[in-house]
Protein backbone atom coordinates (compact mmCIF):
# COMPACT_ATOMS: atom_id res chain seq x y z
CA MET A 1 98.12 106.84 75.89
CA GLN A 2 98.38 103.34 77.45
CA LYS A 3 101.34 102.96 79.75
CA ILE A 4 103.68 100.11 79.10
CA ALA A 5 104.41 97.46 81.71
CA THR A 6 107.91 96.08 81.09
CA LYS A 7 110.79 94.42 82.85
CA VAL A 8 112.24 97.05 85.23
CA PHE A 9 115.41 98.87 84.20
CA ILE A 10 117.64 101.80 85.01
CA CYS A 11 118.32 104.35 82.27
CA LEU A 12 120.90 107.08 82.54
CA ILE A 13 120.26 110.16 80.35
CA THR A 14 123.40 112.31 80.09
CA GLY A 15 124.74 115.12 77.95
CA PRO A 16 125.84 118.73 78.23
CA ALA A 17 123.74 121.33 79.98
CA GLY A 18 120.75 122.24 77.85
CA SER A 19 120.77 119.00 75.83
CA GLY A 20 117.32 117.99 77.08
CA LYS A 21 118.13 115.49 79.80
CA SER A 22 115.37 116.58 82.18
CA SER A 23 112.67 116.95 79.50
CA VAL A 24 113.57 113.61 77.90
CA SER A 25 113.74 111.79 81.26
CA LYS A 26 110.29 113.05 82.38
CA ALA A 27 108.68 112.30 79.02
CA LEU A 28 110.19 108.84 78.90
CA ALA A 29 109.07 108.09 82.49
CA SER A 30 105.54 108.99 81.60
CA LYS A 31 105.44 106.13 79.05
CA PHE A 32 105.91 103.43 81.69
CA GLU A 33 103.45 102.09 84.19
CA ARG A 34 105.76 102.39 87.17
CA SER A 35 108.69 104.74 86.83
CA ALA A 36 110.66 107.45 88.60
CA VAL A 37 113.05 110.23 87.59
CA ILE A 38 116.09 111.07 89.64
CA GLU A 39 117.51 114.49 88.88
CA VAL A 40 121.03 114.30 90.24
CA ASP A 41 121.34 118.13 90.31
CA THR A 42 118.51 118.09 92.94
CA LEU A 43 120.61 115.70 95.03
CA ARG A 44 123.67 117.90 94.68
CA HIS A 45 121.67 120.95 95.77
CA MET A 46 120.65 119.23 99.00
CA ILE A 47 124.06 120.23 100.30
CA LYS A 48 123.62 123.68 101.77
CA GLY A 49 126.65 124.37 103.96
CA GLY A 50 129.79 124.01 101.82
CA TYR A 51 128.07 123.34 98.56
CA ALA A 52 130.56 123.26 95.65
CA ARG A 53 129.19 123.73 92.15
CA PRO A 54 130.38 120.96 89.84
CA TRP A 55 133.08 123.13 88.19
CA PRO A 56 135.90 123.99 88.30
CA HIS A 57 137.42 120.77 89.38
CA SER A 58 138.58 120.36 92.99
CA GLU A 59 138.82 117.63 95.55
CA GLU A 60 135.63 118.96 97.22
CA VAL A 61 133.79 118.89 93.83
CA ASP A 62 134.97 115.31 93.30
CA LEU A 63 133.70 114.31 96.74
CA GLN A 64 130.32 116.00 96.27
CA VAL A 65 129.76 114.73 92.76
CA SER A 66 130.72 111.20 93.68
CA LEU A 67 128.41 111.31 96.73
CA SER A 68 125.48 112.53 94.59
CA VAL A 69 126.06 109.64 92.18
CA LYS A 70 126.19 107.17 95.09
CA ASN A 71 122.93 108.59 96.47
CA ALA A 72 121.30 108.40 93.02
CA CYS A 73 122.42 104.78 92.67
CA ASP A 74 121.07 103.89 96.14
CA MET A 75 117.76 105.57 95.34
CA ALA A 76 117.58 103.85 91.98
CA ASN A 77 118.29 100.43 93.54
CA ASN A 78 115.56 101.02 96.14
CA LEU A 79 113.03 102.02 93.50
CA LEU A 80 114.02 99.08 91.22
CA GLU A 81 113.62 96.66 94.14
CA LYS A 82 109.97 97.87 94.51
CA GLY A 83 109.23 97.40 90.82
CA PHE A 84 109.91 100.87 89.44
CA SER A 85 111.96 101.59 86.32
CA VAL A 86 114.25 104.50 86.90
CA PHE A 87 115.54 107.37 84.71
CA ILE A 88 118.58 109.19 86.01
CA ASP A 89 119.29 112.67 84.68
CA ASP A 90 122.98 113.58 85.16
CA VAL A 91 126.00 115.07 83.41
CA VAL A 92 128.68 112.39 83.52
CA GLY A 93 132.09 111.66 82.06
CA ARG A 94 134.01 108.38 82.04
CA LYS A 95 134.67 108.30 85.80
CA LEU A 96 131.04 108.86 86.83
CA LEU A 97 129.68 106.61 84.10
CA ALA A 98 131.99 103.91 85.50
CA GLN A 99 130.59 104.55 88.96
CA TYR A 100 127.02 104.11 87.62
CA SER A 101 127.97 101.07 85.60
CA ASP A 102 129.69 99.44 88.58
CA SER A 103 126.70 100.10 90.82
CA PHE A 104 124.28 98.64 88.27
CA LYS A 105 126.45 95.85 86.86
CA ASP A 106 123.88 93.15 87.73
CA LYS A 107 120.90 95.26 86.66
CA ASN A 108 119.16 96.03 83.36
CA PHE A 109 121.10 99.31 82.76
CA LYS A 110 121.32 101.49 79.68
CA ALA A 111 122.99 104.88 79.15
CA PHE A 112 122.15 107.43 76.49
CA LEU A 113 124.18 110.49 75.59
CA LEU A 114 122.14 113.36 74.19
CA MET A 115 124.48 115.09 71.80
CA PRO A 116 122.95 117.91 69.79
CA SER A 117 125.25 120.09 67.67
CA LEU A 118 126.83 123.02 69.52
CA GLU A 119 124.72 125.42 67.39
CA ALA A 120 121.49 123.66 68.35
CA LEU A 121 122.58 123.48 72.00
CA LEU A 122 123.40 127.16 72.19
CA ALA A 123 120.14 128.14 70.46
CA ARG A 124 118.24 126.15 73.09
CA PHE A 125 120.37 127.67 75.80
CA ASP A 126 119.86 131.18 74.64
CA ASN A 127 116.12 130.67 74.42
CA ARG A 128 116.09 129.66 78.11
CA GLY A 129 117.95 132.80 79.24
CA ASP A 130 120.28 130.96 81.61
CA ASP A 131 123.25 132.70 83.17
CA LYS A 132 126.44 133.51 81.20
CA ASP A 133 128.70 131.23 83.33
CA LEU A 134 126.53 128.27 82.51
CA ARG A 135 126.64 129.19 78.80
CA VAL A 136 130.39 129.08 78.90
CA ARG A 137 130.29 125.76 80.81
CA THR A 138 127.84 124.38 78.24
CA ILE A 139 130.39 125.06 75.46
CA GLU A 140 133.13 123.36 77.50
CA LEU A 141 130.90 120.34 78.22
CA HIS A 142 129.92 120.02 74.54
CA LYS A 143 133.63 120.04 73.56
CA ASN A 144 134.42 117.42 76.23
CA PHE A 145 131.54 115.16 75.22
CA SER A 146 132.44 115.56 71.52
CA GLU A 147 136.05 114.47 72.20
CA LYS A 148 135.18 111.56 74.49
CA LYS A 149 131.78 110.36 73.23
CA ASN A 150 133.21 107.25 71.58
CA GLU A 151 134.98 106.30 74.83
CA LEU A 152 131.74 106.33 76.78
CA ASN A 153 129.62 103.20 76.89
CA CYS A 154 126.47 105.12 75.82
CA GLN A 155 124.11 105.10 72.96
CA ILE A 156 124.65 108.46 71.29
CA ILE A 157 121.55 110.45 70.23
CA ASN A 158 122.06 113.43 67.91
CA SER A 159 118.97 115.37 68.85
CA SER A 160 119.96 118.53 66.87
CA ASP A 161 117.03 118.37 64.50
CA GLN A 162 114.66 116.26 66.58
CA THR A 163 111.63 117.32 68.51
CA LEU A 164 111.39 116.21 72.14
CA GLU A 165 108.92 113.51 70.98
CA GLU A 166 111.34 112.18 68.32
CA THR A 167 114.20 111.96 70.83
CA VAL A 168 111.95 110.22 73.36
CA ASP A 169 110.70 107.78 70.72
CA GLU A 170 114.23 106.88 69.63
CA ILE A 171 115.29 106.11 73.22
CA TYR A 172 111.99 104.37 74.02
CA LYS A 173 112.37 102.02 71.10
CA SER A 174 115.88 101.09 72.26
CA ILE A 175 114.67 100.45 75.80
CA VAL A 176 111.70 98.23 74.90
CA SER A 177 113.58 96.29 72.25
CA SER A 178 116.13 94.94 74.72
């Protein structure tokens, strides 16, 4: 497949755990001539002493999550400056989306919310064999995203019945048409 050279951009892919953020981000990045994927979970896991998982909410969680978003934004801006388009894979709500949007206010920035049905999400989750705590968290995240999705400045993708390729194509078309 021929890779596409295009005006550089930053694209945030968000959604509940198991919605396909990492797979979609990697597949999208492979379609562009110069691109990078920033997996924000990887940045969070760089903290070894004192690491706080992103739930339940606490001041330390807020600090670490906000720091990881700042680091992702700094990395994205560095890559963009050198001519790379950037895909950021992260679970965000209004506050973190605002942090991303503020950081990229003068950039070509788009955000997509992968929002499969809860049934499709849990089927994917169960097929992966992840831990039970994360399964419970996935249900909570799906509920939160469902309640707040219209308040987020994201293009919503219902990927319940889509293959990875169909989801990637839908987002790809939106990116290259702007």
